[in-house]
């Protein structure tokens, strides 16, 4: 297990004497991590993820997921 984003930000803020000196906020870091994660899901990874979600939908009462693909068959959005 790694270091949380929040703990990392606290350390950076402490080293830089406060969040005003960093030039970005916690939400910026979370947005960037989400962007990197989504971009790293290649075709095989996306298919594996959709397979996992399908199994959860079949086995867990109340679990919901939905997704959209574009005309090329690439994943556009995923909601759980």
C-alpha atoms as a PDB file:
ATOM      1  CA  UNK A   1       0.000   0.000   0.000  1.00  0.00           C
ATOM      2  CA  UNK A   2       1.257   3.474  -0.838  1.00  0.00           C
ATOM      3  CA  UNK A   3       1.053   6.920   0.671  1.00  0.00           C
ATOM      4  CA  UNK A   4      -2.320   8.638   0.358  1.00  0.00           C
ATOM      5  CA  UNK A   5      -2.737  11.716  -1.801  1.00  0.00           C
ATOM      6  CA  UNK A   6      -3.852  13.729   1.224  1.00  0.00           C
ATOM      7  CA  UNK A   7      -0.768  12.756   3.236  1.00  0.00           C
ATOM      8  CA  UNK A   8       1.462  13.591   0.275  1.00  0.00           C
ATOM      9  CA  UNK A   9      -0.129  17.018  -0.046  1.00  0.00           C
ATOM     10  CA  UNK A  10       0.319  17.667   3.694  1.00  0.00           C
ATOM     11  CA  UNK A  11       4.021  16.848   3.413  1.00  0.00           C
ATOM     12  CA  UNK A  12       4.476  19.065   0.353  1.00  0.00           C
ATOM     13  CA  UNK A  13       2.629  21.916   2.062  1.00  0.00           C
ATOM     14  CA  UNK A  14       4.815  21.544   5.147  1.00  0.00           C
ATOM     15  CA  UNK A  15       7.993  21.568   3.075  1.00  0.00           C
ATOM     16  CA  UNK A  16       6.822  24.599   1.065  1.00  0.00           C
ATOM     17  CA  UNK A  17       5.570  26.566   4.114  1.00  0.00           C
ATOM     18  CA  UNK A  18       1.900  26.266   3.158  1.00  0.00           C
ATOM     19  CA  UNK A  19      -0.456  25.449   0.330  1.00  0.00           C
ATOM     20  CA  UNK A  20      -0.244  28.950  -1.175  1.00  0.00           C
ATOM     21  CA  UNK A  21       3.290  28.224  -2.351  1.00  0.00           C
ATOM     22  CA  UNK A  22       2.491  24.922  -4.092  1.00  0.00           C
ATOM     23  CA  UNK A  23       0.596  26.394  -7.032  1.00  0.00           C
ATOM     24  CA  UNK A  24      -2.079  23.681  -6.962  1.00  0.00           C
ATOM     25  CA  UNK A  25      -4.729  22.348  -4.600  1.00  0.00           C
ATOM     26  CA  UNK A  26      -5.755  18.904  -3.392  1.00  0.00           C
ATOM     27  CA  UNK A  27      -8.588  18.717  -5.918  1.00  0.00           C
ATOM     28  CA  UNK A  28      -6.094  19.404  -8.734  1.00  0.00           C
ATOM     29  CA  UNK A  29      -4.039  16.407  -7.654  1.00  0.00           C
ATOM     30  CA  UNK A  30      -7.107  14.153  -7.434  1.00  0.00           C
ATOM     31  CA  UNK A  31      -8.213  15.306 -10.900  1.00  0.00           C
ATOM     32  CA  UNK A  32      -4.782  14.577 -12.371  1.00  0.00           C
ATOM     33  CA  UNK A  33      -4.598  11.129 -10.752  1.00  0.00           C
ATOM     34  CA  UNK A  34      -8.061  10.324 -12.153  1.00  0.00           C
ATOM     35  CA  UNK A  35      -7.002  11.525 -15.601  1.00  0.00           C
ATOM     36  CA  UNK A  36      -3.841   9.403 -15.543  1.00  0.00           C
ATOM     37  CA  UNK A  37      -5.793   6.356 -14.355  1.00  0.00           C
ATOM     38  CA  UNK A  38      -8.393   6.675 -17.104  1.00  0.00           C
ATOM     39  CA  UNK A  39      -5.731   7.211 -19.766  1.00  0.00           C
ATOM     40  CA  UNK A  40      -3.820   4.140 -18.611  1.00  0.00           C
ATOM     41  CA  UNK A  41      -6.804   1.836 -19.204  1.00  0.00           C
ATOM     42  CA  UNK A  42      -6.007   0.354 -22.593  1.00  0.00           C
ATOM     43  CA  UNK A  43      -8.417  -1.910 -24.503  1.00  0.00           C
ATOM     44  CA  UNK A  44      -7.554  -5.095 -22.607  1.00  0.00           C
ATOM     45  CA  UNK A  45      -7.652  -3.389 -19.231  1.00  0.00           C
ATOM     46  CA  UNK A  46     -10.988  -1.797 -20.006  1.00  0.00           C
ATOM     47  CA  UNK A  47     -12.449  -5.118 -21.077  1.00  0.00           C
ATOM     48  CA  UNK A  48     -11.181  -6.728 -17.877  1.00  0.00           C
ATOM     49  CA  UNK A  49     -12.742  -3.930 -15.825  1.00  0.00           C
ATOM     50  CA  UNK A  50     -16.090  -4.279 -17.596  1.00  0.00           C
ATOM     51  CA  UNK A  51     -15.968  -8.049 -16.985  1.00  0.00           C
ATOM     52  CA  UNK A  52     -15.406  -7.456 -13.254  1.00  0.00           C
ATOM     53  CA  UNK A  53     -18.286  -4.968 -13.132  1.00  0.00           C
ATOM     54  CA  UNK A  54     -20.565  -7.408 -14.955  1.00  0.00           C
ATOM     55  CA  UNK A  55     -19.770 -10.135 -12.387  1.00  0.00           C
ATOM     56  CA  UNK A  56     -20.424  -7.740  -9.508  1.00  0.00           C
ATOM     57  CA  UNK A  57     -23.749  -6.740 -11.103  1.00  0.00           C
ATOM     58  CA  UNK A  58     -24.743 -10.417 -11.325  1.00  0.00           C
ATOM     59  CA  UNK A  59     -23.707 -11.221  -7.745  1.00  0.00           C
ATOM     60  CA  UNK A  60     -24.390  -8.076  -5.695  1.00  0.00           C
ATOM     61  CA  UNK A  61     -27.907  -6.837  -5.048  1.00  0.00           C
ATOM     62  CA  UNK A  62     -28.097  -3.113  -5.685  1.00  0.00           C
ATOM     63  CA  UNK A  63     -24.815  -2.864  -7.613  1.00  0.00           C
ATOM     64  CA  UNK A  64     -25.163  -0.757 -10.747  1.00  0.00           C
ATOM     65  CA  UNK A  65     -22.845   0.214 -13.555  1.00  0.00           C
ATOM     66  CA  UNK A  66     -23.272   1.859 -16.924  1.00  0.00           C
ATOM     67  CA  UNK A  67     -20.910   2.908 -19.676  1.00  0.00           C
ATOM     68  CA  UNK A  68     -20.814   4.640 -23.043  1.00  0.00           C
ATOM     69  CA  UNK A  69     -18.614   3.888 -26.024  1.00  0.00           C
ATOM     70  CA  UNK A  70     -17.876   6.057 -29.036  1.00  0.00           C
ATOM     71  CA  UNK A  71     -18.188   5.104 -32.706  1.00  0.00           C
ATOM     72  CA  UNK A  72     -14.703   3.518 -32.592  1.00  0.00           C
ATOM     73  CA  UNK A  73     -15.715   1.294 -29.686  1.00  0.00           C
ATOM     74  CA  UNK A  74     -13.591   3.214 -27.148  1.00  0.00           C
ATOM     75  CA  UNK A  75     -14.867   3.793 -23.621  1.00  0.00           C
ATOM     76  CA  UNK A  76     -16.187   7.345 -23.131  1.00  0.00           C
ATOM     77  CA  UNK A  77     -17.757   7.241 -19.662  1.00  0.00           C
ATOM     78  CA  UNK A  78     -18.168   4.741 -16.861  1.00  0.00           C
ATOM     79  CA  UNK A  79     -20.542   5.169 -13.931  1.00  0.00           C
ATOM     80  CA  UNK A  80     -20.880   2.901 -10.909  1.00  0.00           C
END
